Amino acid sequence: MTTSQTAFDHTFIALADPTRRSVIEILTQGPQSVSELARRFTLALPTFMSHLRILERAGLITTKKTGRVRTCTLDVTKLTAAEDWMHRQRQLWETRLDQMDDYVKQLHKEETKSDRK
């Protein structure tokens, strides 16, 4: 597995959890302190912090400490890469399904011709 694959895997692992997806959604509105974010969830702070570490390791958020306040900011770069990958997969499968549809139509046409004889 290459380094880029590993980073990509971390993105999808991070996105697999509803709490982490909620954090990302909140951060689309702008940076928030850890305490502001944590107040929105009914999780123990150590549990919540583990979610933030996973998001940070995946590169989906960055954190910056100013004095005693740690602020989280969304980094959309990895989200954009995941979106691009999903778009390519969708195109691939749509092409394959279109080919299958054409094949089934051709079979049906041939079957209809042979039934008329």
PDB file of N, CA and C in Angstrom:
ATOM      1  N   MET A   1       0.835  -1.166   0.000  1.00  0.00           N
ATOM      2  CA  MET A   1       0.000   0.000   0.000  1.00  0.00           C
ATOM      3  C   MET A   1       0.886   1.237   0.000  1.00  0.00           C
ATOM      4  N   THR A   2       0.577   2.183  -0.895  1.00  0.00           N
ATOM      5  CA  THR A   2       1.382   3.395  -0.969  1.00  0.00           C
ATOM      6  C   THR A   2       0.945   4.384   0.107  1.00  0.00           C
ATOM      7  N   THR A   3       1.774   5.376   0.309  1.00  0.00           N
ATOM      8  CA  THR A   3       1.465   6.407   1.296  1.00  0.00           C
ATOM      9  C   THR A   3       0.169   7.123   0.952  1.00  0.00           C
ATOM     10  N   SER A   4      -0.048   7.418  -0.341  1.00  0.00           N
ATOM     11  CA  SER A   4      -1.280   8.118  -0.731  1.00  0.00           C
ATOM     12  C   SER A   4      -2.504   7.242  -0.490  1.00  0.00           C
ATOM     13  N   GLN A   5      -2.378   5.919  -0.702  1.00  0.00           N
ATOM     14  CA  GLN A   5      -3.489   5.022  -0.410  1.00  0.00           C
ATOM     15  C   GLN A   5      -3.787   5.016   1.080  1.00  0.00           C
ATOM     16  N   THR A   6      -2.758   4.994   1.898  1.00  0.00           N
ATOM     17  CA  THR A   6      -2.943   4.999   3.337  1.00  0.00           C
ATOM     18  C   THR A   6      -3.647   6.284   3.768  1.00  0.00           C
ATOM     19  N   ALA A   7      -3.226   7.422   3.248  1.00  0.00           N
ATOM     20  CA  ALA A   7      -3.862   8.698   3.572  1.00  0.00           C
ATOM     21  C   ALA A   7      -5.313   8.685   3.121  1.00  0.00           C
ATOM     22  N   PHE A   8      -5.559   8.136   1.951  1.00  0.00           N
ATOM     23  CA  PHE A   8      -6.910   8.038   1.410  1.00  0.00           C
ATOM     24  C   PHE A   8      -7.770   7.138   2.298  1.00  0.00           C
ATOM     25  N   ASP A   9      -7.197   6.038   2.764  1.00  0.00           N
ATOM     26  CA  ASP A   9      -7.910   5.140   3.677  1.00  0.00           C
ATOM     27  C   ASP A   9      -8.273   5.861   4.960  1.00  0.00           C
ATOM     28  N   HIS A  10      -7.375   6.687   5.483  1.00  0.00           N
ATOM     29  CA  HIS A  10      -7.654   7.449   6.700  1.00  0.00           C
ATOM     30  C   HIS A  10      -8.840   8.400   6.494  1.00  0.00           C
ATOM     31  N   THR A  11      -8.943   8.962   5.303  1.00  0.00           N
ATOM     32  CA  THR A  11     -10.077   9.848   5.007  1.00  0.00           C
ATOM     33  C   THR A  11     -11.385   9.093   5.131  1.00  0.00           C
ATOM     34  N   PHE A  12     -11.470   7.920   4.499  1.00  0.00           N
ATOM     35  CA  PHE A  12     -12.723   7.165   4.541  1.00  0.00           C
ATOM     36  C   PHE A  12     -13.001   6.581   5.925  1.00  0.00           C
ATOM     37  N   ILE A  13     -11.961   6.206   6.638  1.00  0.00           N
ATOM     38  CA  ILE A  13     -12.146   5.733   8.016  1.00  0.00           C
ATOM     39  C   ILE A  13     -12.718   6.873   8.860  1.00  0.00           C
ATOM     40  N   ALA A  14     -12.177   8.061   8.700  1.00  0.00           N
ATOM     41  CA  ALA A  14     -12.665   9.213   9.459  1.00  0.00           C
ATOM     42  C   ALA A  14     -14.111   9.528   9.106  1.00  0.00           C
ATOM     43  N   LEU A  15     -14.455   9.427   7.841  1.00  0.00           N
ATOM     44  CA  LEU A  15     -15.816   9.740   7.396  1.00  0.00           C
ATOM     45  C   LEU A  15     -16.830   8.651   7.757  1.00  0.00           C
ATOM     46  N   ALA A  16     -16.354   7.495   8.182  1.00  0.00           N
ATOM     47  CA  ALA A  16     -17.254   6.380   8.487  1.00  0.00           C
ATOM     48  C   ALA A  16     -18.052   6.589   9.766  1.00  0.00           C
ATOM     49  N   ASP A  17     -17.624   7.505  10.605  1.00  0.00           N
ATOM     50  CA  ASP A  17     -18.281   7.696  11.904  1.00  0.00           C
ATOM     51  C   ASP A  17     -19.222   8.907  11.874  1.00  0.00           C
ATOM     52  N   PRO A  18     -20.457   8.747  12.367  1.00  0.00           N
ATOM     53  CA  PRO A  18     -21.408   9.869  12.333  1.00  0.00           C
ATOM     54  C   PRO A  18     -20.980  11.071  13.189  1.00  0.00           C
ATOM     55  N   THR A  19     -20.305  10.840  14.294  1.00  0.00           N
ATOM     56  CA  THR A  19     -19.834  11.957  15.111  1.00  0.00           C
ATOM     57  C   THR A  19     -18.814  12.780  14.336  1.00  0.00           C
ATOM     58  N   ARG A  20     -17.892  12.107  13.679  1.00  0.00           N
ATOM     59  CA  ARG A  20     -16.869  12.826  12.917  1.00  0.00           C
ATOM     60  C   ARG A  20     -17.479  13.546  11.721  1.00  0.00           C
ATOM     61  N   ARG A  21     -18.465  12.930  11.074  1.00  0.00           N
ATOM     62  CA  ARG A  21     -19.143  13.619   9.966  1.00  0.00           C
ATOM     63  C   ARG A  21     -19.863  14.864  10.480  1.00  0.00           C
ATOM     64  N   SER A  22     -20.440  14.779  11.677  1.00  0.00           N
ATOM     65  CA  SER A  22     -21.111  15.942  12.272  1.00  0.00           C
ATOM     66  C   SER A  22     -20.114  17.060  12.560  1.00  0.00           C
ATOM     67  N   VAL A  23     -18.944  16.704  13.068  1.00  0.00           N
ATOM     68  CA  VAL A  23     -17.906  17.703  13.332  1.00  0.00           C
ATOM     69  C   VAL A  23     -17.533  18.405  12.024  1.00  0.00           C
ATOM     70  N   ILE A  24     -17.355  17.640  10.976  1.00  0.00           N
ATOM     71  CA  ILE A  24     -17.009  18.223   9.675  1.00  0.00           C
ATOM     72  C   ILE A  24     -18.119  19.166   9.217  1.00  0.00           C
ATOM     73  N   GLU A  25     -19.346  18.729   9.361  1.00  0.00           N
ATOM     74  CA  GLU A  25     -20.481  19.563   8.960  1.00  0.00           C
ATOM     75  C   GLU A  25     -20.492  20.883   9.734  1.00  0.00           C
ATOM     76  N   ILE A  26     -20.251  20.813  11.031  1.00  0.00           N
ATOM     77  CA  ILE A  26     -20.205  22.022  11.860  1.00  0.00           C
ATOM     78  C   ILE A  26     -19.080  22.940  11.397  1.00  0.00           C
ATOM     79  N   LEU A  27     -17.935  22.360  11.105  1.00  0.00           N
ATOM     80  CA  LEU A  27     -16.776  23.169  10.717  1.00  0.00           C
ATOM     81  C   LEU A  27     -16.916  23.792   9.333  1.00  0.00           C
ATOM     82  N   THR A  28     -17.884  23.351   8.541  1.00  0.00           N
ATOM     83  CA  THR A  28     -18.129  24.022   7.252  1.00  0.00           C
ATOM     84  C   THR A  28     -18.597  25.455   7.474  1.00  0.00           C
ATOM     85  N   GLN A  29     -19.114  25.736   8.674  1.00  0.00           N
ATOM     86  CA  GLN A  29     -19.568  27.089   9.009  1.00  0.00           C
ATOM     87  C   GLN A  29     -18.414  27.991   9.446  1.00  0.00           C
ATOM     88  N   GLY A  30     -17.245  27.382   9.717  1.00  0.00           N
ATOM     89  CA  GLY A  30     -16.080  28.153  10.127  1.00  0.00           C
ATOM     90  C   GLY A  30     -15.382  27.496  11.304  1.00  0.00           C
ATOM     91  N   PRO A  31     -14.190  27.966  11.639  1.00  0.00           N
ATOM     92  CA  PRO A  31     -13.416  27.389  12.742  1.00  0.00           C
ATOM     93  C   PRO A  31     -14.177  27.466  14.067  1.00  0.00           C
ATOM     94  N   GLN A  32     -13.909  26.481  14.926  1.00  0.00           N
ATOM     95  CA  GLN A  32     -14.526  26.436  16.254  1.00  0.00           C
ATOM     96  C   GLN A  32     -13.500  25.915  17.245  1.00  0.00           C
ATOM     97  N   SER A  33     -13.625  26.365  18.470  1.00  0.00           N
ATOM     98  CA  SER A  33     -12.748  25.847  19.512  1.00  0.00           C
ATOM     99  C   SER A  33     -13.200  24.436  19.868  1.00  0.00           C
ATOM    100  N   VAL A  34     -12.296  23.672  20.431  1.00  0.00           N
ATOM    101  CA  VAL A  34     -12.618  22.306  20.854  1.00  0.00           C
ATOM    102  C   VAL A  34     -13.769  22.335  21.852  1.00  0.00           C
ATOM    103  N   SER A  35     -13.751  23.268  22.781  1.00  0.00           N
ATOM    104  CA  SER A  35     -14.823  23.315  23.788  1.00  0.00           C
ATOM    105  C   SER A  35     -16.165  23.655  23.151  1.00  0.00           C
ATOM    106  N   GLU A  36     -16.183  24.545  22.152  1.00  0.00           N
ATOM    107  CA  GLU A  36     -17.432  24.863  21.447  1.00  0.00           C
ATOM    108  C   GLU A  36     -17.972  23.627  20.732  1.00  0.00           C
ATOM    109  N   LEU A  37     -17.079  22.913  20.084  1.00  0.00           N
ATOM    110  CA  LEU A  37     -17.487  21.693  19.380  1.00  0.00           C
ATOM    111  C   LEU A  37     -17.979  20.634  20.358  1.00  0.00           C
ATOM    112  N   ALA A  38     -17.214  20.418  21.414  1.00  0.00           N
ATOM    113  CA  ALA A  38     -17.532  19.350  22.370  1.00  0.00           C
ATOM    114  C   ALA A  38     -18.889  19.568  23.025  1.00  0.00           C
ATOM    115  N   ARG A  39     -19.280  20.822  23.263  1.00  0.00           N
ATOM    116  CA  ARG A  39     -20.574  21.118  23.879  1.00  0.00           C
ATOM    117  C   ARG A  39     -21.752  20.597  23.067  1.00  0.00           C
ATOM    118  N   ARG A  40     -21.564  20.433  21.787  1.00  0.00           N
ATOM    119  CA  ARG A  40     -22.650  19.985  20.905  1.00  0.00           C
ATOM    120  C   ARG A  40     -22.895  18.475  20.982  1.00  0.00           C
ATOM    121  N   PHE A  41     -22.009  17.764  21.659  1.00  0.00           N
ATOM    122  CA  PHE A  41     -22.081  16.301  21.691  1.00  0.00           C
ATOM    123  C   PHE A  41     -22.227  15.809  23.130  1.00  0.00           C
ATOM    124  N   THR A  42     -22.834  14.640  23.270  1.00  0.00           N
ATOM    125  CA  THR A  42     -23.018  14.048  24.604  1.00  0.00           C
ATOM    126  C   THR A  42     -21.956  12.991  24.867  1.00  0.00           C
ATOM    127  N   LEU A  43     -20.741  13.308  24.500  1.00  0.00           N
ATOM    128  CA  LEU A  43     -19.626  12.382  24.680  1.00  0.00           C
ATOM    129  C   LEU A  43     -18.711  12.899  25.784  1.00  0.00           C
ATOM    130  N   ALA A  44     -18.043  11.981  26.441  1.00  0.00           N
ATOM    131  CA  ALA A  44     -16.993  12.379  27.385  1.00  0.00           C
ATOM    132  C   ALA A  44     -15.893  13.075  26.585  1.00  0.00           C
ATOM    133  N   LEU A  45     -15.255  14.062  27.176  1.00  0.00           N
ATOM    134  CA  LEU A  45     -14.227  14.831  26.471  1.00  0.00           C
ATOM    135  C   LEU A  45     -13.113  13.952  25.903  1.00  0.00           C
ATOM    136  N   PRO A  46     -12.598  12.950  26.655  1.00  0.00           N
ATOM    137  CA  PRO A  46     -11.554  12.099  26.056  1.00  0.00           C
ATOM    138  C   PRO A  46     -12.039  11.355  24.802  1.00  0.00           C
ATOM    139  N   THR A  47     -13.287  10.931  24.809  1.00  0.00           N
ATOM    140  CA  THR A  47     -13.850  10.248  23.632  1.00  0.00           C
ATOM    141  C   THR A  47     -13.954  11.223  22.477  1.00  0.00           C
ATOM    142  N   PHE A  48     -14.443  12.420  22.752  1.00  0.00           N
ATOM    143  CA  PHE A  48     -14.558  13.433  21.706  1.00  0.00           C
ATOM    144  C   PHE A  48     -13.191  13.794  21.133  1.00  0.00           C
ATOM    145  N   MET A  49     -12.208  13.929  22.011  1.00  0.00           N
ATOM    146  CA  MET A  49     -10.850  14.254  21.563  1.00  0.00           C
ATOM    147  C   MET A  49     -10.282  13.168  20.656  1.00  0.00           C
ATOM    148  N   SER A  50     -10.637  11.911  20.917  1.00  0.00           N
ATOM    149  CA  SER A  50     -10.152  10.831  20.039  1.00  0.00           C
ATOM    150  C   SER A  50     -10.740  10.988  18.641  1.00  0.00           C
ATOM    151  N   HIS A  51     -11.976  11.445  18.541  1.00  0.00           N
ATOM    152  CA  HIS A  51     -12.577  11.713  17.228  1.00  0.00           C
ATOM    153  C   HIS A  51     -11.818  12.830  16.522  1.00  0.00           C
ATOM    154  N   LEU A  52     -11.488  13.871  17.252  1.00  0.00           N
ATOM    155  CA  LEU A  52     -10.729  14.976  16.642  1.00  0.00           C
ATOM    156  C   LEU A  52      -9.355  14.521  16.173  1.00  0.00           C
ATOM    157  N   ARG A  53      -8.701  13.657  16.956  1.00  0.00           N
ATOM    158  CA  ARG A  53      -7.381  13.139  16.543  1.00  0.00           C
ATOM    159  C   ARG A  53      -7.487  12.352  15.238  1.00  0.00           C
ATOM    160  N   ILE A  54      -8.540  11.559  15.100  1.00  0.00           N
ATOM    161  CA  ILE A  54      -8.736  10.780  13.875  1.00  0.00           C
ATOM    162  C   ILE A  54      -8.954  11.716  12.691  1.00  0.00           C
ATOM    163  N   LEU A  55      -9.769  12.751  12.880  1.00  0.00           N
ATOM    164  CA  LEU A  55      -9.998  13.723  11.811  1.00  0.00           C
ATOM    165  C   LEU A  55      -8.706  14.462  11.446  1.00  0.00           C
ATOM    166  N   GLU A  56      -7.930  14.785  12.448  1.00  0.00           N
ATOM    167  CA  GLU A  56      -6.669  15.492  12.198  1.00  0.00           C
ATOM    168  C   GLU A  56      -5.661  14.583  11.498  1.00  0.00           C
ATOM    169  N   ARG A  57      -5.575  13.325  11.935  1.00  0.00           N
ATOM    170  CA  ARG A  57      -4.649  12.379  11.296  1.00  0.00           C
ATOM    171  C   ARG A  57      -5.029  12.161   9.829  1.00  0.00           C
ATOM    172  N   ALA A  58      -6.320  12.192   9.544  1.00  0.00           N
ATOM    173  CA  ALA A  58      -6.782  12.020   8.168  1.00  0.00           C
ATOM    174  C   ALA A  58      -6.565  13.283   7.335  1.00  0.00           C
ATOM    175  N   GLY A  59      -6.206  14.381   7.992  1.00  0.00           N
ATOM    176  CA  GLY A  59      -5.988  15.632   7.271  1.00  0.00           C
ATOM    177  C   GLY A  59      -7.269  16.383   6.970  1.00  0.00           C
ATOM    178  N   LEU A  60      -8.379  15.984   7.599  1.00  0.00           N
ATOM    179  CA  LEU A  60      -9.651  16.649   7.346  1.00  0.00           C
ATOM    180  C   LEU A  60      -9.811  17.919   8.173  1.00  0.00           C
ATOM    181  N   ILE A  61      -9.119  17.982   9.297  1.00  0.00           N
ATOM    182  CA  ILE A  61      -9.117  19.204  10.101  1.00  0.00           C
ATOM    183  C   ILE A  61      -7.681  19.526  10.515  1.00  0.00           C
ATOM    184  N   THR A  62      -7.481  20.782  10.834  1.00  0.00           N
ATOM    185  CA  THR A  62      -6.227  21.200  11.450  1.00  0.00           C
ATOM    186  C   THR A  62      -6.591  21.851  12.779  1.00  0.00           C
ATOM    187  N   THR A  63      -5.671  21.790  13.720  1.00  0.00           N
ATOM    188  CA  THR A  63      -5.904  22.453  14.998  1.00  0.00           C
ATOM    189  C   THR A  63      -4.749  23.396  15.275  1.00  0.00           C
ATOM    190  N   LYS A  64      -5.083  24.479  15.950  1.00  0.00           N
ATOM    191  CA  LYS A  64      -4.081  25.481  16.299  1.00  0.00           C
ATOM    192  C   LYS A  64      -4.357  25.918  17.726  1.00  0.00           C
ATOM    193  N   LYS A  65      -3.321  25.937  18.526  1.00  0.00           N
ATOM    194  CA  LYS A  65      -3.466  26.339  19.922  1.00  0.00           C
ATOM    195  C   LYS A  65      -2.979  27.768  20.097  1.00  0.00           C
ATOM    196  N   THR A  66      -3.852  28.605  20.652  1.00  0.00           N
ATOM    197  CA  THR A  66      -3.513  29.973  20.978  1.00  0.00           C
ATOM    198  C   THR A  66      -3.812  30.154  22.460  1.00  0.00           C
ATOM    199  N   GLY A  67      -2.776  30.263  23.255  1.00  0.00           N
ATOM    200  CA  GLY A  67      -2.975  30.308  24.702  1.00  0.00           C
ATOM    201  C   GLY A  67      -3.543  28.985  25.176  1.00  0.00           C
ATOM    202  N   ARG A  68      -4.689  29.037  25.826  1.00  0.00           N
ATOM    203  CA  ARG A  68      -5.325  27.816  26.324  1.00  0.00           C
ATOM    204  C   ARG A  68      -6.414  27.295  25.391  1.00  0.00           C
ATOM    205  N   VAL A  69      -6.636  27.986  24.292  1.00  0.00           N
ATOM    206  CA  VAL A  69      -7.729  27.629  23.386  1.00  0.00           C
ATOM    207  C   VAL A  69      -7.180  26.918  22.152  1.00  0.00           C
ATOM    208  N   ARG A  70      -7.719  25.732  21.883  1.00  0.00           N
ATOM    209  CA  ARG A  70      -7.361  24.982  20.678  1.00  0.00           C
ATOM    210  C   ARG A  70      -8.525  25.124  19.701  1.00  0.00           C
ATOM    211  N   THR A  71      -8.219  25.616  18.513  1.00  0.00           N
ATOM    212  CA  THR A  71      -9.235  25.862  17.491  1.00  0.00           C
ATOM    213  C   THR A  71      -9.094  24.855  16.353  1.00  0.00           C
ATOM    214  N   CYS A  72     -10.233  24.337  15.911  1.00  0.00           N
ATOM    215  CA  CYS A  72     -10.275  23.375  14.803  1.00  0.00           C
ATOM    216  C   CYS A  72     -10.769  24.079  13.547  1.00  0.00           C
ATOM    217  N   THR A  73     -10.117  23.756  12.433  1.00  0.00           N
ATOM    218  CA  THR A  73     -10.481  24.314  11.137  1.00  0.00           C
ATOM    219  C   THR A  73     -10.591  23.177  10.129  1.00  0.00           C
ATOM    220  N   LEU A  74     -11.595  23.238   9.293  1.00  0.00           N
ATOM    221  CA  LEU A  74     -11.794  22.235   8.253  1.00  0.00           C
ATOM    222  C   LEU A  74     -10.794  22.449   7.130  1.00  0.00           C
ATOM    223  N   ASP A  75     -10.204  21.360   6.637  1.00  0.00           N
ATOM    224  CA  ASP A  75      -9.332  21.398   5.469  1.00  0.00           C
ATOM    225  C   ASP A  75     -10.008  20.546   4.398  1.00  0.00           C
ATOM    226  N   VAL A  76     -10.574  21.185   3.390  1.00  0.00           N
ATOM    227  CA  VAL A  76     -11.389  20.480   2.403  1.00  0.00           C
ATOM    228  C   VAL A  76     -10.585  19.714   1.358  1.00  0.00           C
ATOM    229  N   THR A  77      -9.269  19.816   1.384  1.00  0.00           N
ATOM    230  CA  THR A  77      -8.437  19.157   0.378  1.00  0.00           C
ATOM    231  C   THR A  77      -8.712  17.664   0.308  1.00  0.00           C
ATOM    232  N   LYS A  78      -8.727  16.990   1.448  1.00  0.00           N
ATOM    233  CA  LYS A  78      -8.944  15.533   1.470  1.00  0.00           C
ATOM    234  C   LYS A  78     -10.381  15.196   1.097  1.00  0.00           C
ATOM    235  N   LEU A  79     -11.329  16.046   1.480  1.00  0.00           N
ATOM    236  CA  LEU A  79     -12.724  15.812   1.093  1.00  0.00           C
ATOM    237  C   LEU A  79     -12.883  15.899  -0.418  1.00  0.00           C
ATOM    238  N   THR A  80     -12.195  16.864  -1.015  1.00  0.00           N
ATOM    239  CA  THR A  80     -12.248  17.023  -2.468  1.00  0.00           C
ATOM    240  C   THR A  80     -11.653  15.804  -3.162  1.00  0.00           C
ATOM    241  N   ALA A  81     -10.561  15.274  -2.635  1.00  0.00           N
ATOM    242  CA  ALA A  81      -9.940  14.072  -3.215  1.00  0.00           C
ATOM    243  C   ALA A  81     -10.894  12.879  -3.115  1.00  0.00           C
ATOM    244  N   ALA A  82     -11.575  12.742  -1.988  1.00  0.00           N
ATOM    245  CA  ALA A  82     -12.535  11.639  -1.819  1.00  0.00           C
ATOM    246  C   ALA A  82     -13.713  11.806  -2.775  1.00  0.00           C
ATOM    247  N   GLU A  83     -14.183  13.037  -2.916  1.00  0.00           N
ATOM    248  CA  GLU A  83     -15.288  13.314  -3.832  1.00  0.00           C
ATOM    249  C   GLU A  83     -14.892  12.989  -5.279  1.00  0.00           C
ATOM    250  N   ASP A  84     -13.682  13.362  -5.664  1.00  0.00           N
ATOM    251  CA  ASP A  84     -13.186  13.065  -7.013  1.00  0.00           C
ATOM    252  C   ASP A  84     -13.126  11.560  -7.245  1.00  0.00           C
ATOM    253  N   TRP A  85     -12.646  10.808  -6.253  1.00  0.00           N
ATOM    254  CA  TRP A  85     -12.559   9.353  -6.373  1.00  0.00           C
ATOM    255  C   TRP A  85     -13.959   8.752  -6.539  1.00  0.00           C
ATOM    256  N   MET A  86     -14.907   9.212  -5.719  1.00  0.00           N
ATOM    257  CA  MET A  86     -16.273   8.684  -5.822  1.00  0.00           C
ATOM    258  C   MET A  86     -16.902   9.032  -7.164  1.00  0.00           C
ATOM    259  N   HIS A  87     -16.599  10.213  -7.678  1.00  0.00           N
ATOM    260  CA  HIS A  87     -17.112  10.607  -8.992  1.00  0.00           C
ATOM    261  C   HIS A  87     -16.565   9.681 -10.084  1.00  0.00           C
ATOM    262  N   ARG A  88     -15.264   9.380 -10.018  1.00  0.00           N
ATOM    263  CA  ARG A  88     -14.669   8.463 -11.016  1.00  0.00           C
ATOM    264  C   ARG A  88     -15.299   7.079 -10.920  1.00  0.00           C
ATOM    265  N   GLN A  89     -15.551   6.604  -9.693  1.00  0.00           N
ATOM    266  CA  GLN A  89     -16.176   5.293  -9.520  1.00  0.00           C
ATOM    267  C   GLN A  89     -17.582   5.291 -10.102  1.00  0.00           C
ATOM    268  N   ARG A  90     -18.329   6.350  -9.872  1.00  0.00           N
ATOM    269  CA  ARG A  90     -19.686   6.448 -10.406  1.00  0.00           C
ATOM    270  C   ARG A  90     -19.660   6.422 -11.939  1.00  0.00           C
ATOM    271  N   GLN A  91     -18.751   7.185 -12.528  1.00  0.00           N
ATOM    272  CA  GLN A  91     -18.644   7.195 -13.991  1.00  0.00           C
ATOM    273  C   GLN A  91     -18.326   5.804 -14.525  1.00  0.00           C
ATOM    274  N   LEU A  92     -17.403   5.114 -13.877  1.00  0.00           N
ATOM    275  CA  LEU A  92     -17.018   3.769 -14.287  1.00  0.00           C
ATOM    276  C   LEU A  92     -18.231   2.839 -14.260  1.00  0.00           C
ATOM    277  N   TRP A  93     -18.964   2.850 -13.156  1.00  0.00           N
ATOM    278  CA  TRP A  93     -20.110   1.940 -13.027  1.00  0.00           C
ATOM    279  C   TRP A  93     -21.271   2.345 -13.918  1.00  0.00           C
ATOM    280  N   GLU A  94     -21.464   3.623 -14.159  1.00  0.00           N
ATOM    281  CA  GLU A  94     -22.511   4.037 -15.098  1.00  0.00           C
ATOM    282  C   GLU A  94     -22.186   3.554 -16.502  1.00  0.00           C
ATOM    283  N   THR A  95     -20.907   3.638 -16.886  1.00  0.00           N
ATOM    284  CA  THR A  95     -20.488   3.140 -18.197  1.00  0.00           C
ATOM    285  C   THR A  95     -20.724   1.641 -18.298  1.00  0.00           C
ATOM    286  N   ARG A  96     -20.335   0.908 -17.256  1.00  0.00           N
ATOM    287  CA  ARG A  96     -20.531  -0.541 -17.268  1.00  0.00           C
ATOM    288  C   ARG A  96     -22.011  -0.912 -17.318  1.00  0.00           C
ATOM    289  N   LEU A  97     -22.831  -0.204 -16.571  1.00  0.00           N
ATOM    290  CA  LEU A  97     -24.276  -0.492 -16.581  1.00  0.00           C
ATOM    291  C   LEU A  97     -24.896  -0.147 -17.931  1.00  0.00           C
ATOM    292  N   ASP A  98     -24.430   0.945 -18.561  1.00  0.00           N
ATOM    293  CA  ASP A  98     -24.916   1.285 -19.898  1.00  0.00           C
ATOM    294  C   ASP A  98     -24.543   0.195 -20.890  1.00  0.00           C
ATOM    295  N   GLN A  99     -23.324  -0.334 -20.789  1.00  0.00           N
ATOM    296  CA  GLN A  99     -22.897  -1.417 -21.676  1.00  0.00           C
ATOM    297  C   GLN A  99     -23.745  -2.666 -21.448  1.00  0.00           C
ATOM    298  N   MET A 100     -24.023  -2.956 -20.193  1.00  0.00           N
ATOM    299  CA  MET A 100     -24.852  -4.121 -19.880  1.00  0.00           C
ATOM    300  C   MET A 100     -26.273  -3.932 -20.426  1.00  0.00           C
ATOM    301  N   ASP A 101     -26.808  -2.730 -20.293  1.00  0.00           N
ATOM    302  CA  ASP A 101     -28.140  -2.424 -20.810  1.00  0.00           C
ATOM    303  C   ASP A 101     -28.177  -2.625 -22.326  1.00  0.00           C
ATOM    304  N   ASP A 102     -27.134  -2.134 -23.017  1.00  0.00           N
ATOM    305  CA  ASP A 102     -27.062  -2.317 -24.476  1.00  0.00           C
ATOM    306  C   ASP A 102     -27.024  -3.802 -24.829  1.00  0.00           C
ATOM    307  N   TYR A 103     -26.258  -4.579 -24.086  1.00  0.00           N
ATOM    308  CA  TYR A 103     -26.134  -6.013 -24.331  1.00  0.00           C
ATOM    309  C   TYR A 103     -27.483  -6.715 -24.128  1.00  0.00           C
ATOM    310  N   VAL A 104     -28.178  -6.380 -23.055  1.00  0.00           N
ATOM    311  CA  VAL A 104     -29.482  -6.998 -22.782  1.00  0.00           C
ATOM    312  C   VAL A 104     -30.490  -6.618 -23.872  1.00  0.00           C
ATOM    313  N   LYS A 105     -30.471  -5.380 -24.313  1.00  0.00           N
ATOM    314  CA  LYS A 105     -31.370  -4.952 -25.398  1.00  0.00           C
ATOM    315  C   LYS A 105     -31.070  -5.718 -26.677  1.00  0.00           C
ATOM    316  N   GLN A 106     -29.773  -5.907 -26.969  1.00  0.00           N
ATOM    317  CA  GLN A 106     -29.384  -6.658 -28.163  1.00  0.00           C
ATOM    318  C   GLN A 106     -29.858  -8.100 -28.061  1.00  0.00           C
ATOM    319  N   LEU A 107     -29.680  -8.722 -26.888  1.00  0.00           N
ATOM    320  CA  LEU A 107     -30.167 -10.094 -26.686  1.00  0.00           C
ATOM    321  C   LEU A 107     -31.676 -10.183 -26.872  1.00  0.00           C
ATOM    322  N   HIS A 108     -32.376  -9.203 -26.321  1.00  0.00           N
ATOM    323  CA  HIS A 108     -33.839  -9.190 -26.442  1.00  0.00           C
ATOM    324  C   HIS A 108     -34.254  -9.052 -27.908  1.00  0.00           C
ATOM    325  N   LYS A 109     -33.558  -8.202 -28.645  1.00  0.00           N
ATOM    326  CA  LYS A 109     -33.854  -7.998 -30.059  1.00  0.00           C
ATOM    327  C   LYS A 109     -33.634  -9.295 -30.841  1.00  0.00           C
ATOM    328  N   GLU A 110     -32.516  -9.971 -30.561  1.00  0.00           N
ATOM    329  CA  GLU A 110     -32.219 -11.235 -31.235  1.00  0.00           C
ATOM    330  C   GLU A 110     -33.244 -12.302 -30.860  1.00  0.00           C
ATOM    331  N   GLU A 111     -33.658 -12.325 -29.631  1.00  0.00           N
ATOM    332  CA  GLU A 111     -34.652 -13.305 -29.172  1.00  0.00           C
ATOM    333  C   GLU A 111     -35.999 -13.049 -29.841  1.00  0.00           C
ATOM    334  N   THR A 112     -36.361 -11.790 -29.984  1.00  0.00           N
ATOM    335  CA  THR A 112     -37.610 -11.412 -30.629  1.00  0.00           C
ATOM    336  C   THR A 112     -37.584 -11.833 -32.098  1.00  0.00           C
ATOM    337  N   LYS A 113     -36.439 -11.646 -32.783  1.00  0.00           N
ATOM    338  CA  LYS A 113     -36.291 -12.044 -34.186  1.00  0.00           C
ATOM    339  C   LYS A 113     -36.464 -13.552 -34.327  1.00  0.00           C
ATOM    340  N   SER A 114     -35.847 -14.323 -33.444  1.00  0.00           N
ATOM    341  CA  SER A 114     -35.924 -15.780 -33.554  1.00  0.00           C
ATOM    342  C   SER A 114     -37.317 -16.297 -33.209  1.00  0.00           C
ATOM    343  N   ASP A 115     -38.052 -15.595 -32.380  1.00  0.00           N
ATOM    344  CA  ASP A 115     -39.437 -15.999 -32.047  1.00  0.00           C
ATOM    345  C   ASP A 115     -40.366 -15.788 -33.227  1.00  0.00           C
ATOM    346  N   ARG A 116     -40.085 -14.816 -34.100  1.00  0.00           N
ATOM    347  CA  ARG A 116     -40.932 -14.508 -35.258  1.00  0.00           C
ATOM    348  C   ARG A 116     -40.779 -15.551 -36.351  1.00  0.00           C
ATOM    349  N   LYS A 117     -39.698 -16.259 -36.366  1.00  0.00           N
ATOM    350  CA  LYS A 117     -39.438 -17.238 -37.439  1.00  0.00           C
ATOM    351  C   LYS A 117     -40.175 -18.496 -37.230  1.00  0.00           C
TER     352      LYS A 117
END
